[in-house]
N, C-alpha and C. Protein backbone atom coordinates (compact mmCIF):
# COMPACT_ATOMS: atom_id res chain seq x y z
N MET A 1 0.86 -1.25 0.02
CA MET A 1 0.02 -0.02 0.04
C MET A 1 0.83 1.26 -0.04
N LEU A 2 1.92 1.26 0.77
CA LEU A 2 2.84 2.39 0.86
C LEU A 2 3.49 2.57 -0.48
N ILE A 3 3.92 1.45 -1.13
CA ILE A 3 4.53 1.61 -2.46
C ILE A 3 3.56 2.23 -3.47
N ASN A 4 2.31 1.68 -3.53
CA ASN A 4 1.33 2.26 -4.37
C ASN A 4 1.03 3.74 -4.09
N ARG A 5 0.99 4.16 -2.80
CA ARG A 5 0.81 5.58 -2.56
C ARG A 5 1.96 6.44 -2.99
N SER A 6 3.16 5.95 -2.81
CA SER A 6 4.41 6.70 -3.24
C SER A 6 4.39 6.77 -4.71
N PHE A 7 3.95 5.62 -5.46
CA PHE A 7 3.93 5.57 -6.93
C PHE A 7 3.08 6.63 -7.33
N LEU A 8 1.85 6.71 -6.75
CA LEU A 8 0.78 7.68 -7.29
C LEU A 8 1.42 9.18 -7.01
N VAL A 9 2.06 9.41 -5.88
CA VAL A 9 2.64 10.74 -5.56
C VAL A 9 3.54 11.07 -6.72
N TYR A 10 4.51 10.21 -7.12
CA TYR A 10 5.48 10.52 -8.18
C TYR A 10 4.70 10.71 -9.53
N VAL A 11 3.71 9.85 -9.87
CA VAL A 11 3.01 10.04 -11.03
C VAL A 11 2.29 11.39 -11.06
N SER A 12 1.66 11.79 -10.05
CA SER A 12 1.00 13.08 -9.90
C SER A 12 1.94 14.23 -10.08
N LEU A 13 3.07 14.15 -9.41
CA LEU A 13 4.01 15.18 -9.53
C LEU A 13 4.57 15.38 -11.00
N MET A 14 4.88 14.14 -11.68
CA MET A 14 5.30 14.21 -12.95
C MET A 14 4.27 14.78 -13.92
N THR A 15 3.06 14.39 -13.81
CA THR A 15 1.87 14.83 -14.57
C THR A 15 1.77 16.34 -14.50
N PHE A 16 1.85 16.80 -13.26
CA PHE A 16 1.74 18.31 -13.02
C PHE A 16 2.80 19.04 -13.74
N VAL A 17 4.09 18.56 -13.57
CA VAL A 17 5.20 19.30 -14.30
C VAL A 17 5.08 19.28 -15.73
N VAL A 18 4.67 18.05 -16.34
CA VAL A 18 4.53 17.99 -17.83
C VAL A 18 3.49 18.94 -18.34
N VAL A 19 2.32 18.94 -17.72
CA VAL A 19 1.19 19.71 -18.15
C VAL A 19 1.50 21.15 -18.01
N ALA A 20 1.91 21.60 -16.82
CA ALA A 20 2.28 23.00 -16.57
C ALA A 20 3.35 23.41 -17.61
N SER A 21 4.33 22.64 -17.94
CA SER A 21 5.44 23.06 -18.93
C SER A 21 4.82 23.16 -20.32
N ASN A 22 3.88 22.26 -20.65
CA ASN A 22 3.36 22.35 -22.03
C ASN A 22 2.47 23.56 -22.18
N PHE A 23 1.88 24.05 -21.13
CA PHE A 23 1.09 25.27 -21.12
C PHE A 23 1.96 26.53 -21.18
N LEU A 24 3.01 26.45 -20.28
CA LEU A 24 3.92 27.68 -20.15
C LEU A 24 4.93 27.87 -21.33
N VAL A 25 5.13 26.80 -22.06
CA VAL A 25 6.17 26.87 -23.20
C VAL A 25 5.54 27.78 -24.28
N GLN A 26 4.23 28.07 -24.26
CA GLN A 26 3.62 28.86 -25.22
C GLN A 26 3.77 30.33 -24.97
N TYR A 27 4.38 30.64 -23.80
CA TYR A 27 4.42 32.14 -23.42
C TYR A 27 5.89 32.57 -23.20
N PRO A 28 6.37 33.35 -24.04
CA PRO A 28 7.81 33.95 -23.98
C PRO A 28 7.76 34.82 -22.73
N LEU A 29 8.99 34.98 -22.13
CA LEU A 29 9.13 35.94 -21.02
C LEU A 29 9.06 37.28 -21.48
N PRO A 30 8.28 38.17 -20.73
CA PRO A 30 8.12 39.58 -21.16
C PRO A 30 9.36 40.36 -20.78
N GLY A 31 9.44 41.66 -21.27
CA GLY A 31 10.56 42.50 -20.88
C GLY A 31 11.88 42.24 -21.50
N SER A 32 12.84 43.03 -21.02
CA SER A 32 14.18 43.03 -21.66
C SER A 32 15.21 43.38 -20.53
N ILE A 33 16.46 42.93 -20.73
CA ILE A 33 17.57 43.35 -19.90
C ILE A 33 18.65 43.78 -20.72
N ALA A 34 19.15 45.01 -20.45
CA ALA A 34 20.29 45.57 -21.27
C ALA A 34 19.93 45.57 -22.71
N GLY A 35 18.77 45.77 -23.13
CA GLY A 35 18.38 45.82 -24.49
C GLY A 35 18.08 44.36 -25.12
N MET A 36 18.26 43.35 -24.32
CA MET A 36 18.10 41.98 -24.77
C MET A 36 16.66 41.64 -24.41
N GLN A 37 15.91 41.15 -25.46
CA GLN A 37 14.51 40.79 -25.31
C GLN A 37 14.50 39.41 -24.77
N LEU A 38 13.92 39.20 -23.50
CA LEU A 38 13.87 37.96 -22.83
C LEU A 38 13.00 37.00 -23.66
N GLY A 39 12.02 37.57 -24.41
CA GLY A 39 11.16 36.57 -25.12
C GLY A 39 11.82 35.94 -26.28
N ASP A 40 13.01 36.43 -26.69
CA ASP A 40 13.79 35.88 -27.71
C ASP A 40 14.73 34.75 -27.16
N LEU A 41 14.71 34.57 -25.82
CA LEU A 41 15.57 33.66 -25.20
C LEU A 41 14.76 32.47 -24.55
N TRP A 42 13.77 32.84 -23.85
CA TRP A 42 13.04 31.83 -22.88
C TRP A 42 11.57 31.92 -22.99
N THR A 43 10.94 30.80 -22.72
CA THR A 43 9.56 30.76 -22.45
C THR A 43 9.49 30.34 -20.93
N TRP A 44 8.31 30.51 -20.39
CA TRP A 44 8.19 30.17 -18.97
C TRP A 44 8.31 28.74 -18.82
N GLY A 45 8.02 27.91 -19.78
CA GLY A 45 8.18 26.44 -19.57
C GLY A 45 9.65 26.02 -19.39
N ALA A 46 10.65 26.80 -19.74
CA ALA A 46 12.04 26.49 -19.48
C ALA A 46 12.39 26.33 -18.05
N PHE A 47 11.52 27.08 -17.23
CA PHE A 47 11.87 27.06 -15.77
C PHE A 47 11.07 26.03 -15.00
N SER A 48 10.03 25.51 -15.55
CA SER A 48 9.34 24.43 -14.83
C SER A 48 9.65 23.07 -15.23
N TYR A 49 10.07 22.85 -16.51
CA TYR A 49 10.30 21.50 -17.00
C TYR A 49 11.40 20.83 -16.29
N PRO A 50 12.62 21.43 -15.93
CA PRO A 50 13.67 20.72 -15.33
C PRO A 50 13.27 19.96 -13.99
N PHE A 51 12.15 20.37 -13.43
CA PHE A 51 11.70 19.57 -12.24
C PHE A 51 11.25 18.16 -12.54
N ALA A 52 10.99 17.91 -13.87
CA ALA A 52 10.66 16.50 -14.32
C ALA A 52 11.78 15.61 -14.04
N PHE A 53 13.02 16.06 -14.25
CA PHE A 53 14.29 15.27 -13.97
C PHE A 53 14.46 14.97 -12.56
N LEU A 54 14.12 15.98 -11.81
CA LEU A 54 14.25 15.69 -10.28
C LEU A 54 13.23 14.65 -9.87
N VAL A 55 12.06 14.65 -10.33
CA VAL A 55 10.99 13.67 -10.03
C VAL A 55 11.52 12.30 -10.46
N THR A 56 12.01 12.15 -11.69
CA THR A 56 12.56 10.91 -12.28
C THR A 56 13.65 10.29 -11.39
N ASP A 57 14.61 11.16 -11.04
CA ASP A 57 15.76 10.78 -10.25
C ASP A 57 15.37 10.33 -8.94
N LEU A 58 14.52 11.05 -8.25
CA LEU A 58 14.14 10.61 -6.92
C LEU A 58 13.34 9.25 -6.96
N THR A 59 12.53 9.03 -8.02
CA THR A 59 11.81 7.92 -8.18
C THR A 59 12.94 6.71 -8.46
N ASN A 60 13.81 6.95 -9.26
CA ASN A 60 14.83 5.97 -9.62
C ASN A 60 15.63 5.58 -8.40
N ARG A 61 16.01 6.61 -7.56
CA ARG A 61 16.67 6.36 -6.33
C ARG A 61 15.89 5.55 -5.40
N HIS A 62 14.56 5.83 -5.30
CA HIS A 62 13.69 5.16 -4.25
C HIS A 62 13.31 3.75 -4.74
N PHE A 63 12.89 3.57 -6.02
CA PHE A 63 12.35 2.27 -6.37
C PHE A 63 13.23 1.59 -7.42
N GLY A 64 14.13 2.22 -8.11
CA GLY A 64 14.94 1.68 -9.10
C GLY A 64 14.39 1.95 -10.49
N PRO A 65 15.05 1.56 -11.53
CA PRO A 65 14.75 1.87 -12.86
C PRO A 65 13.41 1.35 -13.41
N ARG A 66 12.99 0.19 -13.00
CA ARG A 66 11.81 -0.33 -13.45
C ARG A 66 10.56 0.43 -13.09
N ILE A 67 10.47 0.88 -11.80
CA ILE A 67 9.40 1.67 -11.41
C ILE A 67 9.51 3.06 -11.90
N ALA A 68 10.73 3.58 -12.06
CA ALA A 68 10.96 4.98 -12.60
C ALA A 68 10.45 4.99 -13.99
N ARG A 69 10.72 3.96 -14.82
CA ARG A 69 10.14 3.88 -16.21
C ARG A 69 8.58 3.87 -16.17
N ARG A 70 8.04 3.20 -15.15
CA ARG A 70 6.54 3.21 -15.04
C ARG A 70 6.04 4.66 -14.82
N VAL A 71 6.66 5.31 -13.97
CA VAL A 71 6.37 6.72 -13.64
C VAL A 71 6.45 7.56 -14.89
N VAL A 72 7.49 7.45 -15.68
CA VAL A 72 7.64 8.19 -16.87
C VAL A 72 6.60 7.90 -17.88
N VAL A 73 6.34 6.62 -17.99
CA VAL A 73 5.26 6.31 -19.03
C VAL A 73 3.88 6.79 -18.57
N ALA A 74 3.60 6.68 -17.22
CA ALA A 74 2.36 7.23 -16.70
C ALA A 74 2.22 8.74 -16.93
N GLY A 75 3.36 9.39 -16.58
CA GLY A 75 3.39 10.79 -16.80
C GLY A 75 3.26 11.24 -18.22
N PHE A 76 3.84 10.43 -19.12
CA PHE A 76 3.78 10.69 -20.55
C PHE A 76 2.34 10.64 -20.98
N VAL A 77 1.60 9.49 -20.66
CA VAL A 77 0.26 9.29 -21.09
C VAL A 77 -0.69 10.44 -20.52
N ALA A 78 -0.55 10.60 -19.20
CA ALA A 78 -1.51 11.69 -18.54
C ALA A 78 -1.16 13.01 -19.04
N GLY A 79 0.23 13.32 -19.19
CA GLY A 79 0.56 14.66 -19.55
C GLY A 79 0.16 14.87 -20.98
N VAL A 80 0.35 13.96 -21.89
CA VAL A 80 -0.06 14.32 -23.30
C VAL A 80 -1.61 14.39 -23.43
N THR A 81 -2.28 13.58 -22.70
CA THR A 81 -3.75 13.63 -22.84
C THR A 81 -4.26 14.98 -22.25
N LEU A 82 -3.87 15.38 -21.19
CA LEU A 82 -4.28 16.71 -20.59
C LEU A 82 -3.78 17.81 -21.35
N SER A 83 -2.58 17.68 -21.97
CA SER A 83 -1.97 18.79 -22.69
C SER A 83 -2.72 19.07 -23.98
N MET A 84 -3.44 18.05 -24.48
CA MET A 84 -4.21 18.29 -25.74
C MET A 84 -5.29 19.39 -25.50
N TYR A 85 -5.63 19.54 -24.18
CA TYR A 85 -6.74 20.51 -23.94
C TYR A 85 -6.10 21.85 -23.52
N LEU A 86 -4.75 21.94 -23.18
CA LEU A 86 -4.16 23.12 -22.70
C LEU A 86 -3.15 23.71 -23.67
N ALA A 87 -2.74 22.91 -24.63
CA ALA A 87 -1.78 23.39 -25.65
C ALA A 87 -2.27 22.84 -27.06
N THR A 88 -1.60 23.27 -28.12
CA THR A 88 -1.89 22.73 -29.44
C THR A 88 -1.49 21.32 -29.54
N PRO A 89 -2.05 20.58 -30.38
CA PRO A 89 -1.63 19.14 -30.68
C PRO A 89 -0.18 19.06 -30.94
N ARG A 90 0.43 19.94 -31.75
CA ARG A 90 1.73 19.83 -32.16
C ARG A 90 2.73 19.96 -30.90
N ILE A 91 2.27 20.92 -30.06
CA ILE A 91 3.14 21.11 -28.83
C ILE A 91 2.99 19.81 -27.92
N ALA A 92 1.81 19.18 -27.86
CA ALA A 92 1.64 18.06 -27.07
C ALA A 92 2.43 16.88 -27.52
N ILE A 93 2.44 16.70 -28.94
CA ILE A 93 3.21 15.63 -29.55
C ILE A 93 4.70 15.80 -29.41
N ALA A 94 5.07 17.05 -29.53
CA ALA A 94 6.56 17.34 -29.45
C ALA A 94 7.00 17.24 -28.01
N SER A 95 6.16 17.61 -27.11
CA SER A 95 6.46 17.53 -25.66
C SER A 95 6.51 16.10 -25.18
N GLY A 96 5.54 15.36 -25.57
CA GLY A 96 5.44 13.88 -25.30
C GLY A 96 6.61 13.04 -25.75
N SER A 97 6.93 13.29 -27.05
CA SER A 97 8.10 12.55 -27.60
C SER A 97 9.33 12.79 -26.88
N ALA A 98 9.61 14.11 -26.73
CA ALA A 98 10.85 14.53 -26.15
C ALA A 98 10.95 14.13 -24.71
N PHE A 99 9.81 14.28 -23.99
CA PHE A 99 9.77 13.86 -22.61
C PHE A 99 10.09 12.40 -22.43
N LEU A 100 9.45 11.59 -23.29
CA LEU A 100 9.54 10.04 -23.10
C LEU A 100 11.01 9.68 -23.33
N PHE A 101 11.58 10.02 -24.40
CA PHE A 101 13.00 9.65 -24.66
C PHE A 101 14.06 10.35 -23.85
N GLY A 102 13.81 11.56 -23.43
CA GLY A 102 14.71 12.25 -22.62
C GLY A 102 14.80 11.63 -21.18
N GLN A 103 13.52 11.38 -20.69
CA GLN A 103 13.44 10.83 -19.34
C GLN A 103 14.05 9.36 -19.30
N LEU A 104 13.87 8.58 -20.30
CA LEU A 104 14.26 7.18 -20.41
C LEU A 104 15.79 7.26 -20.43
N LEU A 105 16.35 8.17 -21.21
CA LEU A 105 17.83 8.30 -21.21
C LEU A 105 18.33 8.65 -19.86
N ASP A 106 17.66 9.56 -19.18
CA ASP A 106 18.13 10.00 -17.87
C ASP A 106 18.10 8.78 -16.93
N ILE A 107 17.02 7.98 -17.02
CA ILE A 107 17.03 6.75 -16.07
C ILE A 107 18.20 5.83 -16.44
N ALA A 108 18.57 5.60 -17.70
CA ALA A 108 19.60 4.76 -18.07
C ALA A 108 20.89 5.23 -17.55
N VAL A 109 21.15 6.60 -17.75
CA VAL A 109 22.43 7.16 -17.28
C VAL A 109 22.56 7.16 -15.79
N PHE A 110 21.36 7.50 -15.08
CA PHE A 110 21.45 7.51 -13.62
C PHE A 110 21.74 6.07 -13.11
N ASN A 111 21.09 5.08 -13.67
CA ASN A 111 21.28 3.74 -13.05
C ASN A 111 22.75 3.30 -13.27
N ARG A 112 23.32 3.71 -14.38
CA ARG A 112 24.73 3.29 -14.70
C ARG A 112 25.70 3.96 -13.60
N LEU A 113 25.35 5.09 -13.12
CA LEU A 113 26.22 5.91 -12.26
C LEU A 113 25.86 5.95 -10.71
N ARG A 114 24.75 5.22 -10.46
CA ARG A 114 24.16 5.37 -9.15
C ARG A 114 25.13 4.86 -8.05
N ARG A 115 26.13 4.02 -8.33
CA ARG A 115 26.99 3.56 -7.25
C ARG A 115 28.23 4.51 -7.01
N GLN A 116 28.30 5.60 -7.89
CA GLN A 116 29.46 6.54 -7.77
C GLN A 116 28.95 7.65 -6.85
N SER A 117 29.76 8.80 -6.77
CA SER A 117 29.45 9.85 -5.96
C SER A 117 28.01 10.27 -6.06
N TRP A 118 27.33 10.66 -4.89
CA TRP A 118 25.82 10.90 -4.91
C TRP A 118 25.36 11.89 -5.97
N TRP A 119 26.14 12.76 -6.38
CA TRP A 119 25.75 13.90 -7.29
C TRP A 119 25.91 13.55 -8.78
N ARG A 120 26.73 12.51 -9.04
CA ARG A 120 27.08 12.27 -10.37
C ARG A 120 25.96 11.69 -11.19
N ALA A 121 25.10 10.72 -10.61
CA ALA A 121 24.06 10.20 -11.26
C ALA A 121 22.92 11.09 -11.62
N PRO A 122 22.44 11.91 -10.69
CA PRO A 122 21.36 12.87 -11.06
C PRO A 122 21.84 13.91 -11.93
N LEU A 123 23.16 14.41 -11.80
CA LEU A 123 23.62 15.59 -12.62
C LEU A 123 23.85 15.01 -14.07
N ALA A 124 24.54 13.97 -14.27
CA ALA A 124 24.74 13.47 -15.64
C ALA A 124 23.50 13.01 -16.29
N GLY A 125 22.61 12.34 -15.58
CA GLY A 125 21.41 11.92 -16.13
C GLY A 125 20.51 13.07 -16.61
N SER A 126 20.41 14.12 -15.75
CA SER A 126 19.66 15.23 -16.17
C SER A 126 20.22 16.08 -17.32
N LEU A 127 21.49 16.31 -17.33
CA LEU A 127 22.19 16.95 -18.36
C LEU A 127 22.08 16.26 -19.78
N ILE A 128 22.36 14.95 -19.70
CA ILE A 128 22.36 14.26 -21.05
C ILE A 128 20.96 14.11 -21.55
N GLY A 129 19.96 13.84 -20.51
CA GLY A 129 18.56 13.75 -20.92
C GLY A 129 18.01 15.06 -21.36
N SER A 130 18.48 16.15 -20.74
CA SER A 130 18.08 17.52 -21.12
C SER A 130 18.44 17.86 -22.62
N GLY A 131 19.59 17.41 -23.02
CA GLY A 131 20.18 17.68 -24.34
C GLY A 131 19.24 17.03 -25.37
N LEU A 132 18.93 15.80 -25.18
CA LEU A 132 17.99 15.04 -26.16
C LEU A 132 16.77 15.67 -26.10
N ASP A 133 16.17 15.97 -24.93
CA ASP A 133 14.80 16.48 -24.76
C ASP A 133 14.74 17.88 -25.47
N THR A 134 15.65 18.75 -25.36
CA THR A 134 15.65 19.97 -25.95
C THR A 134 15.63 19.96 -27.49
N ALA A 135 16.55 19.12 -28.05
CA ALA A 135 16.68 18.96 -29.38
C ALA A 135 15.46 18.45 -30.01
N MET A 136 14.79 17.47 -29.44
CA MET A 136 13.58 16.81 -29.97
C MET A 136 12.40 17.69 -29.92
N PHE A 137 12.23 18.42 -28.64
CA PHE A 137 11.09 19.20 -28.47
C PHE A 137 11.00 20.38 -29.38
N PHE A 138 12.12 21.26 -29.39
CA PHE A 138 12.07 22.43 -30.21
C PHE A 138 12.02 22.15 -31.75
N SER A 139 12.66 21.03 -32.16
CA SER A 139 12.56 20.62 -33.48
C SER A 139 11.15 20.31 -34.00
N PHE A 140 10.56 19.34 -33.14
CA PHE A 140 9.27 18.86 -33.36
C PHE A 140 8.15 19.96 -33.35
N ALA A 141 8.33 20.88 -32.29
CA ALA A 141 7.38 21.93 -32.13
C ALA A 141 7.42 23.01 -32.98
N PHE A 142 8.62 23.48 -33.50
CA PHE A 142 8.69 24.67 -34.23
C PHE A 142 9.41 24.63 -35.60
N ALA A 143 10.25 23.61 -35.87
CA ALA A 143 11.05 23.61 -37.15
C ALA A 143 10.11 23.43 -38.31
N PRO A 144 10.19 24.23 -39.34
CA PRO A 144 9.32 24.16 -40.48
C PRO A 144 9.21 22.75 -41.05
N PHE A 145 10.30 21.86 -40.95
CA PHE A 145 10.28 20.62 -41.54
C PHE A 145 9.18 19.69 -40.93
N PHE A 146 8.81 19.94 -39.64
CA PHE A 146 7.80 19.08 -38.96
C PHE A 146 6.49 19.72 -39.05
N VAL A 147 6.19 20.51 -40.13
CA VAL A 147 4.81 21.00 -40.23
C VAL A 147 3.72 20.04 -40.35
N PHE A 148 4.02 18.78 -40.74
CA PHE A 148 3.05 17.78 -40.86
C PHE A 148 2.46 17.41 -39.36
N LEU A 149 3.17 17.84 -38.36
CA LEU A 149 2.65 17.74 -36.93
C LEU A 149 1.67 18.69 -36.57
N GLY A 150 1.59 19.87 -37.33
CA GLY A 150 0.68 20.95 -37.12
C GLY A 150 1.13 22.23 -37.67
N PRO A 151 0.40 23.27 -37.66
CA PRO A 151 0.78 24.57 -38.27
C PRO A 151 2.08 25.12 -37.62
N ASN A 152 2.80 25.80 -38.45
CA ASN A 152 3.98 26.48 -37.93
C ASN A 152 3.60 27.75 -37.14
N ASP A 153 4.48 28.06 -36.17
CA ASP A 153 4.24 29.17 -35.34
C ASP A 153 4.99 30.39 -35.93
N GLY A 154 4.32 31.41 -36.45
CA GLY A 154 4.98 32.48 -37.09
C GLY A 154 5.98 33.26 -36.27
N PHE A 155 5.60 33.43 -35.02
CA PHE A 155 6.53 34.22 -34.09
C PHE A 155 7.76 33.41 -33.88
N ALA A 156 7.59 32.06 -33.71
CA ALA A 156 8.83 31.19 -33.49
C ALA A 156 9.68 31.27 -34.68
N LEU A 157 9.21 31.43 -35.80
CA LEU A 157 9.98 31.31 -37.08
C LEU A 157 10.62 32.63 -37.44
N GLU A 158 10.23 33.72 -36.76
CA GLU A 158 10.76 35.05 -37.13
C GLU A 158 12.23 35.02 -36.75
N THR A 159 13.01 35.80 -37.59
CA THR A 159 14.51 36.01 -37.27
C THR A 159 14.74 36.86 -36.01
N ALA A 160 15.68 36.47 -35.31
CA ALA A 160 16.05 37.24 -34.05
C ALA A 160 17.49 36.98 -33.82
N SER A 161 18.13 37.87 -33.00
CA SER A 161 19.52 37.70 -32.65
C SER A 161 19.71 36.54 -31.77
N LEU A 162 20.62 35.61 -32.26
CA LEU A 162 20.92 34.35 -31.51
C LEU A 162 21.27 34.62 -30.04
N LEU A 163 20.46 34.14 -29.23
CA LEU A 163 20.64 34.26 -27.67
C LEU A 163 20.60 35.76 -27.26
N GLY A 164 20.16 36.60 -28.17
CA GLY A 164 20.03 37.95 -27.88
C GLY A 164 21.38 38.70 -27.63
N LEU A 165 22.42 38.01 -27.82
CA LEU A 165 23.80 38.68 -27.55
C LEU A 165 24.67 38.63 -28.70
N LEU A 166 24.50 37.76 -29.70
CA LEU A 166 25.43 37.72 -30.75
C LEU A 166 24.88 38.28 -31.97
N SER A 167 25.81 38.68 -32.94
CA SER A 167 25.36 39.31 -34.11
C SER A 167 24.75 38.35 -35.12
N LEU A 168 24.91 37.03 -34.88
CA LEU A 168 24.36 36.04 -35.80
C LEU A 168 22.83 35.92 -35.60
N ASP A 169 22.19 35.99 -36.66
CA ASP A 169 20.58 35.87 -36.55
C ASP A 169 20.31 34.46 -36.84
N ALA A 170 19.11 34.00 -36.18
CA ALA A 170 18.59 32.73 -36.47
C ALA A 170 17.13 32.71 -36.13
N PRO A 171 16.28 31.68 -36.53
CA PRO A 171 14.96 31.73 -36.11
C PRO A 171 14.79 31.78 -34.63
N ARG A 172 13.80 32.40 -34.21
CA ARG A 172 13.53 32.61 -32.76
C ARG A 172 13.52 31.31 -31.94
N TRP A 173 13.01 30.24 -32.57
CA TRP A 173 12.90 28.89 -31.84
C TRP A 173 14.25 28.32 -31.65
N VAL A 174 15.32 28.62 -32.48
CA VAL A 174 16.56 28.15 -32.21
C VAL A 174 17.19 28.77 -30.95
N SER A 175 16.97 30.08 -30.84
CA SER A 175 17.41 30.81 -29.70
C SER A 175 16.69 30.33 -28.44
N TRP A 176 15.41 30.07 -28.63
CA TRP A 176 14.62 29.44 -27.46
C TRP A 176 15.31 28.12 -27.00
N ALA A 177 15.60 27.32 -28.04
CA ALA A 177 16.22 26.02 -27.75
C ALA A 177 17.48 26.11 -26.94
N LEU A 178 18.37 27.07 -27.45
CA LEU A 178 19.71 27.25 -26.68
C LEU A 178 19.50 27.74 -25.29
N GLY A 179 18.58 28.72 -25.27
CA GLY A 179 18.24 29.36 -23.95
C GLY A 179 17.71 28.37 -22.98
N ASP A 180 16.79 27.50 -23.54
CA ASP A 180 16.18 26.46 -22.78
C ASP A 180 17.22 25.48 -22.29
N LEU A 181 18.20 25.08 -23.09
CA LEU A 181 19.26 24.24 -22.69
C LEU A 181 20.13 24.75 -21.56
N LEU A 182 20.34 26.06 -21.70
CA LEU A 182 21.19 26.72 -20.68
C LEU A 182 20.47 26.73 -19.27
N VAL A 183 19.14 26.96 -19.35
CA VAL A 183 18.38 26.94 -18.16
C VAL A 183 18.34 25.53 -17.49
N LYS A 184 18.29 24.48 -18.39
CA LYS A 184 18.18 23.17 -17.89
C LYS A 184 19.55 22.78 -17.25
N ILE A 185 20.62 23.28 -17.83
CA ILE A 185 21.92 22.95 -17.28
C ILE A 185 22.06 23.63 -15.96
N LEU A 186 21.68 24.85 -15.80
CA LEU A 186 21.73 25.59 -14.53
C LEU A 186 20.83 24.91 -13.43
N CYS A 187 19.63 24.52 -13.98
CA CYS A 187 18.66 23.98 -13.02
C CYS A 187 19.14 22.47 -12.64
N GLY A 188 19.81 21.77 -13.59
CA GLY A 188 20.22 20.55 -13.18
C GLY A 188 21.35 20.61 -12.02
N ILE A 189 22.09 21.70 -12.08
CA ILE A 189 23.04 21.96 -10.92
C ILE A 189 22.32 22.40 -9.68
N VAL A 190 21.47 23.38 -9.82
CA VAL A 190 20.76 23.90 -8.63
C VAL A 190 19.93 22.83 -8.00
N LEU A 191 19.22 21.97 -8.76
CA LEU A 191 18.33 20.91 -8.20
C LEU A 191 19.13 19.74 -7.52
N LEU A 192 20.40 19.88 -7.52
CA LEU A 192 21.19 18.90 -6.72
C LEU A 192 21.00 19.16 -5.28
N LEU A 193 20.61 20.43 -5.00
CA LEU A 193 20.45 20.79 -3.56
C LEU A 193 19.12 20.10 -2.95
N PRO A 194 17.99 20.14 -3.59
CA PRO A 194 16.85 19.41 -2.93
C PRO A 194 17.05 17.99 -3.15
N TYR A 195 17.76 17.47 -4.18
CA TYR A 195 17.99 16.06 -4.29
C TYR A 195 18.80 15.50 -3.17
N GLY A 196 19.94 16.37 -2.80
CA GLY A 196 20.84 15.94 -1.70
C GLY A 196 20.10 16.04 -0.53
N ALA A 197 19.19 17.05 -0.28
CA ALA A 197 18.37 17.21 1.02
C ALA A 197 17.46 16.10 1.17
N LEU A 198 16.89 15.55 0.12
CA LEU A 198 15.83 14.52 0.27
C LEU A 198 16.49 13.06 0.34
N MET A 199 17.81 12.97 0.18
CA MET A 199 18.44 11.65 0.17
C MET A 199 18.32 10.91 1.48
N SER A 200 18.27 11.74 2.51
CA SER A 200 18.10 11.01 3.85
C SER A 200 16.71 10.66 4.20
N VAL A 201 15.74 11.26 3.40
CA VAL A 201 14.33 10.90 3.58
C VAL A 201 13.89 9.81 2.57
N ILE A 202 14.32 9.97 1.30
CA ILE A 202 13.94 8.95 0.24
C ILE A 202 15.11 7.98 0.11
N LYS A 203 15.08 6.97 0.84
CA LYS A 203 16.14 5.90 0.71
C LYS A 203 15.80 4.89 -0.18
N PRO A 204 16.91 4.29 -0.85
CA PRO A 204 16.66 3.11 -1.85
C PRO A 204 16.04 1.93 -1.19
N MET A 205 14.98 1.38 -1.77
CA MET A 205 14.33 0.13 -1.26
C MET A 205 15.23 -0.93 -1.82
N PRO A 206 15.13 -2.14 -1.20
CA PRO A 206 15.92 -3.39 -1.54
C PRO A 206 15.91 -3.58 -3.09
N ALA A 207 14.70 -3.43 -3.64
CA ALA A 207 14.74 -3.73 -5.13
C ALA A 207 15.50 -2.75 -5.89
N ALA A 208 15.55 -1.51 -5.48
CA ALA A 208 16.37 -0.52 -6.09
C ALA A 208 17.86 -0.76 -5.97
N LYS A 209 18.36 -1.24 -4.82
CA LYS A 209 19.67 -1.56 -4.55
C LYS A 209 20.03 -2.77 -5.41
N ALA A 210 19.05 -3.71 -5.59
CA ALA A 210 19.45 -4.89 -6.43
C ALA A 210 19.69 -4.58 -7.91
N THR A 211 19.14 -3.47 -8.33
CA THR A 211 19.25 -3.20 -9.81
C THR A 211 20.41 -2.30 -10.01
N ALA A 212 21.06 -1.83 -8.98
CA ALA A 212 22.25 -0.93 -9.17
C ALA A 212 23.42 -1.69 -9.64
């Protein structure tokens, strides 16, 4: 019963993060800093999505990779289904695909490194998974090549200064992708703090230790 309750908690947290991120990714940040338009760099979803990796890593630590994969799949199904009502179908498809493969890669990397220093598994897993997730999501969601998934977003395709700092111009979605990846890298480092704080509370179960 305790396992089932914990499993539902992880699934609920994962679903919340995915749905919230799918909704928030449609809204660029307002304002500017030193003449740099924040909307050319980030959407609000860039700051909520990295928590998905924290949920996955805590699940993996607690239950092991088999249950972690179940949480990812459950979050994928629930997240995509609900996101169809909160975001465009193309965003939902892009998010679901990127989420599934990025999180499964995170689980594989985490499990390979879980016997090493406590910070290596969650950091490496989240960074490598984030790279794949970012590449898949922004390509599927905004690249003109994937128009068969849904209509192109005119604002995302407009030319803007890459990362708002360089003289090189690129479609705005490319700048979003790079900005998103930078946020995920920073969040992957920062989220080591709550992960480390929760290690004494969320201890590996025997099954998780056996899979290490």
